[in-house]
Protein backbone atom coordinates (compact mmCIF):
# COMPACT_ATOMS: atom_id res chain seq x y z
CA MET A 1 -41.75 -18.76 -41.91
CA GLY A 2 -40.89 -22.36 -42.78
CA LYS A 3 -37.17 -21.73 -42.27
CA LEU A 4 -37.88 -20.11 -38.89
CA THR A 5 -39.88 -23.17 -37.81
CA ILE A 6 -37.00 -25.43 -38.86
CA HIS A 7 -34.53 -23.31 -36.88
CA PHE A 8 -36.72 -23.53 -33.77
CA LYS A 9 -37.07 -27.30 -34.16
CA ASN A 10 -33.31 -27.67 -34.51
CA PHE A 11 -32.77 -25.44 -31.48
CA PHE A 12 -35.14 -27.39 -29.23
CA HIS A 13 -33.67 -30.66 -30.49
CA GLU A 14 -30.21 -29.38 -29.53
CA VAL A 15 -31.49 -28.31 -26.10
CA LYS A 16 -33.00 -31.75 -25.53
CA ARG A 17 -29.84 -33.51 -26.68
CA LYS A 18 -27.53 -31.37 -24.50
CA ARG A 19 -29.97 -30.62 -21.69
CA VAL A 20 -27.34 -31.10 -18.96
CA LEU A 21 -25.10 -28.41 -20.47
CA PHE A 22 -28.05 -26.05 -20.93
CA LEU A 23 -29.08 -26.60 -17.31
CA MET A 24 -25.56 -25.62 -16.25
CA ILE A 25 -25.78 -22.26 -18.04
CA LEU A 26 -29.43 -21.65 -17.04
CA PRO A 27 -28.57 -19.72 -13.81
CA ILE A 28 -26.30 -17.37 -15.81
CA LEU A 29 -29.02 -16.83 -18.43
CA ILE A 30 -31.56 -16.06 -15.70
CA TYR A 31 -29.11 -13.65 -14.04
CA PHE A 32 -28.56 -11.66 -17.24
CA PHE A 33 -32.25 -11.71 -18.10
CA VAL A 34 -33.26 -10.35 -14.68
CA PHE A 35 -30.45 -7.84 -14.14
CA ALA A 36 -29.53 -6.82 -17.73
CA TYR A 37 -32.56 -7.22 -20.02
CA ILE A 38 -35.55 -6.54 -17.77
CA PRO A 39 -34.12 -3.16 -16.58
CA MET A 40 -33.54 -1.99 -20.20
CA PRO A 41 -36.78 0.06 -20.38
CA GLY A 42 -35.33 2.05 -17.48
CA ALA A 43 -33.06 3.79 -20.01
CA TYR A 44 -36.12 5.90 -20.83
CA ILE A 45 -35.58 7.68 -17.49
CA ALA A 46 -32.73 9.56 -19.20
CA PHE A 47 -35.29 11.36 -21.38
CA VAL A 48 -37.91 12.28 -18.75
CA ASP A 49 -38.12 14.41 -15.63
CA TYR A 50 -38.50 11.35 -13.45
CA SER A 51 -40.77 11.41 -10.43
CA ILE A 52 -41.21 8.41 -8.13
CA GLY A 53 -44.91 9.21 -7.75
CA LYS A 54 -45.59 9.40 -11.50
CA GLY A 55 -43.37 6.48 -12.49
CA ILE A 56 -41.15 6.09 -15.56
CA PHE A 57 -43.79 6.43 -18.26
CA GLY A 58 -45.94 8.90 -16.34
CA SER A 59 -43.15 11.46 -15.91
CA PRO A 60 -43.01 14.34 -18.43
CA PHE A 61 -40.77 13.84 -21.48
CA VAL A 62 -37.90 16.39 -21.62
CA GLY A 63 -35.83 15.08 -24.54
CA LEU A 64 -32.10 15.70 -24.22
CA LYS A 65 -32.40 18.16 -21.33
CA ASN A 66 -30.86 15.74 -18.84
CA PHE A 67 -27.77 15.40 -21.02
CA GLU A 68 -27.16 19.14 -20.70
CA PHE A 69 -26.23 18.45 -17.08
CA LEU A 70 -22.88 17.04 -18.19
CA ALA A 71 -22.26 19.43 -21.07
CA LYS A 72 -22.97 22.65 -19.15
CA THR A 73 -20.68 21.86 -16.23
CA GLY A 74 -17.62 22.39 -18.43
CA ASP A 75 -16.06 19.27 -16.90
CA LEU A 76 -17.30 16.83 -19.54
CA TRP A 77 -14.04 16.78 -21.51
CA ARG A 78 -11.87 16.44 -18.40
CA ILE A 79 -13.79 13.55 -16.84
CA THR A 80 -14.28 11.79 -20.19
CA LYS A 81 -10.55 12.10 -20.95
CA ASN A 82 -9.58 10.82 -17.49
CA THR A 83 -12.02 7.90 -17.74
CA LEU A 84 -10.79 6.94 -21.21
CA LEU A 85 -7.09 7.18 -20.36
CA TYR A 86 -7.42 5.20 -17.15
CA ASN A 87 -9.51 2.48 -18.77
CA VAL A 88 -7.15 2.19 -21.75
CA ALA A 89 -4.24 1.82 -19.30
CA PHE A 90 -6.22 -0.75 -17.28
CA LEU A 91 -7.20 -2.70 -20.40
CA VAL A 92 -3.73 -2.84 -21.93
CA LEU A 93 -1.58 -3.30 -18.82
CA CYS A 94 -3.92 -5.77 -17.09
CA ASN A 95 -3.96 -7.96 -20.20
CA VAL A 96 -0.17 -7.80 -20.48
CA PHE A 97 0.33 -8.86 -16.85
CA GLN A 98 -2.41 -11.50 -17.07
CA VAL A 99 -0.83 -13.11 -20.14
CA ALA A 100 2.67 -12.90 -18.62
CA PHE A 101 1.66 -14.54 -15.33
CA ALA A 102 -0.41 -17.19 -17.12
CA ILE A 103 2.59 -18.16 -19.26
CA MET A 104 4.92 -18.21 -16.24
CA LEU A 105 2.55 -20.44 -14.27
CA ALA A 106 2.09 -22.74 -17.26
CA GLU A 107 5.87 -23.17 -17.45
CA LEU A 108 6.22 -24.10 -13.76
CA GLY A 109 7.05 -27.75 -13.23
CA SER A 110 6.15 -28.08 -9.55
CA LYS A 111 2.39 -28.61 -9.15
CA TRP A 112 2.16 -27.52 -5.50
CA PHE A 113 4.17 -24.34 -6.16
CA LYS A 114 2.04 -23.65 -9.24
CA LYS A 115 -1.18 -23.94 -7.22
CA LEU A 116 0.24 -21.84 -4.38
CA SER A 117 1.36 -19.10 -6.79
CA GLN A 118 -2.00 -19.17 -8.54
CA SER A 119 -3.84 -18.73 -5.23
CA ILE A 120 -1.57 -15.87 -4.11
CA ILE A 121 -2.00 -13.99 -7.42
CA LEU A 122 -5.78 -14.54 -7.43
CA LEU A 123 -6.32 -13.50 -3.79
CA PRO A 124 -6.30 -9.67 -4.38
CA TYR A 125 -9.31 -10.03 -6.69
CA PHE A 126 -11.47 -11.00 -3.70
CA ILE A 127 -10.27 -8.19 -1.41
CA SER A 128 -12.79 -5.37 -0.98
CA MET A 129 -11.79 -1.97 -2.33
CA VAL A 130 -12.73 -0.51 1.05
CA ILE A 131 -9.86 -2.50 2.55
CA VAL A 132 -7.61 -1.46 -0.34
CA GLY A 133 -8.44 2.20 0.37
CA PHE A 134 -7.68 1.73 4.07
CA PHE A 135 -4.41 0.01 3.20
CA ALA A 136 -3.43 2.82 0.78
CA TYR A 137 -4.19 5.50 3.37
CA ASN A 138 -2.01 3.82 5.98
CA PHE A 139 0.69 3.37 3.38
CA PHE A 140 0.79 6.94 2.00
CA ASN A 141 -0.46 9.05 4.93
CA TYR A 142 1.77 12.07 5.57
CA ASP A 143 1.89 11.89 9.37
CA HIS A 144 2.28 8.18 10.10
CA GLY A 145 2.17 6.37 6.75
CA PHE A 146 4.56 3.49 6.13
CA VAL A 147 6.31 5.19 3.19
CA ASN A 148 6.93 8.47 5.03
CA THR A 149 8.04 6.63 8.15
CA LEU A 150 10.54 4.74 6.00
CA LEU A 151 11.69 7.96 4.29
CA THR A 152 12.31 9.77 7.58
CA GLY A 153 14.07 6.70 8.96
CA LEU A 154 16.45 6.81 5.98
CA GLY A 155 17.04 10.53 6.44
CA PHE A 156 14.87 11.76 3.56
CA PRO A 157 12.11 14.42 3.86
CA LYS A 158 8.47 13.37 3.98
CA HIS A 159 6.38 13.48 0.81
CA ASP A 160 2.75 14.65 0.86
CA PHE A 161 1.22 12.03 -1.45
CA TYR A 162 -2.32 13.33 -0.95
CA SER A 163 -1.33 16.70 -2.43
CA ASP A 164 0.62 15.27 -5.37
CA GLN A 165 -1.72 14.93 -8.35
CA GLY A 166 0.82 13.38 -10.69
CA ILE A 167 1.76 10.34 -8.62
CA TRP A 168 -1.79 9.09 -8.05
CA LYS A 169 -2.41 8.02 -11.63
CA TYR A 170 0.41 5.52 -11.19
CA ILE A 171 -0.84 4.41 -7.77
CA ILE A 172 -4.36 3.86 -9.12
CA VAL A 173 -3.10 1.87 -12.12
CA PHE A 174 -0.88 -0.21 -9.81
CA PHE A 175 -3.78 -1.16 -7.52
CA LYS A 176 -5.98 -1.98 -10.52
CA ILE A 177 -3.35 -4.31 -11.97
CA TRP A 178 -2.74 -5.82 -8.53
CA SER A 179 -6.43 -6.60 -8.04
CA GLN A 180 -7.31 -7.79 -11.56
CA THR A 181 -4.27 -9.76 -12.72
CA GLY A 182 -5.28 -12.98 -10.96
CA TYR A 183 -8.79 -13.20 -12.42
CA GLY A 184 -7.76 -12.62 -16.04
CA MET A 185 -4.76 -14.88 -15.59
CA ILE A 186 -7.12 -17.82 -14.94
CA VAL A 187 -8.79 -17.29 -18.33
CA TYR A 188 -5.48 -17.25 -20.20
CA LEU A 189 -4.12 -20.15 -18.17
CA ALA A 190 -7.18 -22.22 -19.12
CA THR A 191 -6.54 -21.40 -22.79
CA ILE A 192 -2.88 -22.42 -22.51
CA THR A 193 -3.83 -25.65 -20.73
CA GLY A 194 -6.20 -26.44 -23.61
CA ILE A 195 -3.42 -26.26 -26.20
CA ASP A 196 -2.49 -29.71 -27.52
CA ALA A 197 0.68 -30.90 -25.76
CA GLU A 198 1.81 -32.67 -28.95
CA ILE A 199 2.43 -29.26 -30.56
CA TYR A 200 4.98 -28.43 -27.86
CA GLU A 201 6.51 -31.90 -28.07
CA ALA A 202 6.96 -31.53 -31.83
CA ALA A 203 8.57 -28.12 -31.30
CA SER A 204 10.96 -29.60 -28.72
CA LEU A 205 11.98 -32.33 -31.16
CA ASP A 206 12.75 -29.60 -33.71
CA GLY A 207 15.08 -27.99 -31.18
CA ALA A 208 12.88 -25.12 -29.99
CA ASN A 209 13.78 -23.71 -26.57
CA PRO A 210 11.14 -22.50 -24.04
CA VAL A 211 11.37 -18.87 -25.19
CA GLN A 212 10.86 -19.86 -28.83
CA LYS A 213 7.87 -22.03 -27.92
CA ILE A 214 6.30 -19.11 -26.07
CA LYS A 215 7.00 -16.70 -28.93
CA TYR A 216 5.95 -18.89 -31.85
CA LEU A 217 3.33 -21.18 -30.29
CA THR A 218 1.78 -19.91 -27.05
CA LEU A 219 1.37 -16.23 -27.93
CA PRO A 220 -0.11 -16.80 -31.42
CA LEU A 221 -2.55 -19.37 -29.99
CA LEU A 222 -3.58 -16.88 -27.29
CA LYS A 223 -4.31 -14.17 -29.86
CA THR A 224 -8.02 -14.96 -30.27
CA THR A 225 -8.62 -14.97 -26.51
CA VAL A 226 -6.74 -11.68 -26.10
CA ILE A 227 -8.79 -10.00 -28.84
CA LEU A 228 -12.10 -11.27 -27.44
CA LEU A 229 -11.33 -10.09 -23.90
CA PHE A 230 -10.10 -6.78 -25.30
CA LEU A 231 -13.39 -6.29 -27.17
CA PHE A 232 -15.38 -7.17 -24.05
CA GLY A 233 -13.36 -4.61 -22.11
CA LEU A 234 -14.03 -1.90 -24.69
CA GLY A 235 -17.76 -2.15 -23.95
CA GLY A 236 -17.18 -0.57 -20.55
CA ILE A 237 -14.46 1.87 -21.62
CA LEU A 238 -16.37 4.84 -20.15
CA LYS A 239 -17.46 2.99 -17.03
CA GLY A 240 -14.73 3.63 -14.51
CA SER A 241 -13.92 1.51 -11.48
CA PHE A 242 -15.95 3.65 -9.09
CA ASP A 243 -15.13 1.60 -6.00
CA LEU A 244 -11.38 1.85 -6.70
CA PHE A 245 -11.34 5.62 -7.28
CA PHE A 246 -13.82 6.45 -4.52
CA ASN A 247 -11.99 4.46 -1.85
CA LEU A 248 -8.51 5.63 -2.86
CA ILE A 249 -9.27 9.31 -3.47
CA GLY A 250 -12.46 9.93 -1.48
CA SER A 251 -13.32 13.63 -1.19
CA ASN A 252 -9.78 14.95 -1.72
CA SER A 253 -10.55 17.72 -4.24
CA ILE A 254 -6.84 18.50 -4.72
CA LEU A 255 -6.47 15.26 -6.70
CA TYR A 256 -9.64 15.64 -8.82
CA PRO A 257 -7.95 17.14 -11.95
CA GLN A 258 -5.98 13.91 -12.45
CA THR A 259 -8.21 11.32 -10.77
CA ASP A 260 -11.81 12.42 -11.36
CA ILE A 261 -13.76 10.08 -13.65
CA ILE A 262 -17.36 10.15 -14.87
CA ASP A 263 -18.68 7.87 -12.12
CA THR A 264 -17.15 9.79 -9.21
CA PHE A 265 -18.09 13.16 -10.72
CA VAL A 266 -21.72 12.12 -11.17
CA PHE A 267 -21.84 10.64 -7.68
CA ARG A 268 -20.70 13.91 -6.13
CA SER A 269 -22.98 15.99 -8.35
CA LEU A 270 -26.11 13.94 -7.75
CA VAL A 271 -25.72 12.92 -4.11
CA SER A 272 -27.15 16.26 -3.02
CA GLN A 273 -29.74 16.60 -5.81
CA PHE A 274 -31.03 13.01 -5.81
CA ASN A 275 -31.81 13.31 -9.54
CA PHE A 276 -32.47 9.88 -11.09
CA SER A 277 -32.90 11.27 -14.62
CA GLN A 278 -29.49 12.90 -14.81
CA GLY A 279 -27.83 9.76 -13.44
CA ALA A 280 -29.62 7.66 -16.06
CA ALA A 281 -28.50 10.12 -18.77
CA VAL A 282 -24.87 9.61 -17.80
CA GLY A 283 -25.29 5.82 -17.81
CA PHE A 284 -26.89 6.03 -21.27
CA TYR A 285 -24.01 8.20 -22.52
CA GLN A 286 -21.47 5.68 -21.24
CA SER A 287 -23.29 2.68 -22.76
CA ILE A 288 -23.78 4.23 -26.21
CA PHE A 289 -20.14 5.34 -26.37
CA GLY A 290 -18.99 1.83 -25.41
CA LEU A 291 -21.34 0.19 -27.93
CA ILE A 292 -20.11 2.38 -30.81
CA LEU A 293 -16.48 1.70 -29.87
CA VAL A 294 -17.04 -2.08 -29.74
CA LEU A 295 -18.79 -2.05 -33.14
CA VAL A 296 -16.03 0.00 -34.76
CA VAL A 297 -13.14 -2.04 -33.32
CA ASN A 298 -14.92 -5.33 -34.07
CA ALA A 299 -15.39 -4.23 -37.69
CA VAL A 300 -11.65 -3.48 -37.94
CA VAL A 301 -10.75 -6.84 -36.36
CA LYS A 302 -13.17 -8.62 -38.71
CA LYS A 303 -11.33 -7.23 -41.73
CA ILE A 304 -7.86 -7.99 -40.41
CA GLU A 305 -8.53 -11.28 -38.55
CA PRO A 306 -12.10 -12.56 -39.28
CA GLU A 307 -11.82 -15.58 -36.98
CA SER A 308 -10.98 -13.39 -33.98
CA ALA A 309 -13.96 -11.04 -34.36
CA LEU A 310 -16.65 -11.00 -31.70
CA PHE A 311 -19.48 -11.28 -34.26
């Protein structure tokens, strides 16, 4: 008890000493408390037959019955596999492009061109997926899409993109990379900017060229940031980008075998039934899977590279 009191005293002393910094992070803490921690009891909905009239704790307890919704459909493996594969591709490729663009921008000498490039790369992050879906439709539409118009103009036959399951996994990954590269690039660019310039100066004096400095200095110093962001991304490995898939694919059932993920499948399944409990069960399944994966990968990282572990 005495040690706990000492810890609290030290904590409040630290808050008082750095009150300006704590005030800066206060809005973020309030946001997570209101939208992440307060709703946590709502996970109980996954285990009850929820009724708005009876409330969460007044609704009858049904155990794991709501989870049977996913298992009995026979589509659980397909949508879980699709969600995992897409998110692994997003996680790996987005990080690769983010690191690559961050390094390229850091190497640019012209400040105005650097800022212009940074703004152009970041812009897609702020574009609504509704607009992206509209853009994709006008680009790949069979009758008057830009690609098919170009193909016919060059003397080639039209291609029905919206009936081709195989090509859409590449289109989806492309749009994900296009929209997310700018945001992650800022994080890596900030890390590179924080590296002591004297390290690079010393390397230059030793005769290191730009490629060698990137290989032996920049990339190793980015390793911790890459691992941390990778671990954060693993937490949502089963939570697909619903807005991306929904706006690109919509209700085109021909493409579902290759493009259907957990979020879009549940949306279609529940939109007619309006079943809160089954939706909560799916969310619980996604969260637990992500938590276990983060714990396992973090344990592996902790053994290999203790300083890079999340906790």
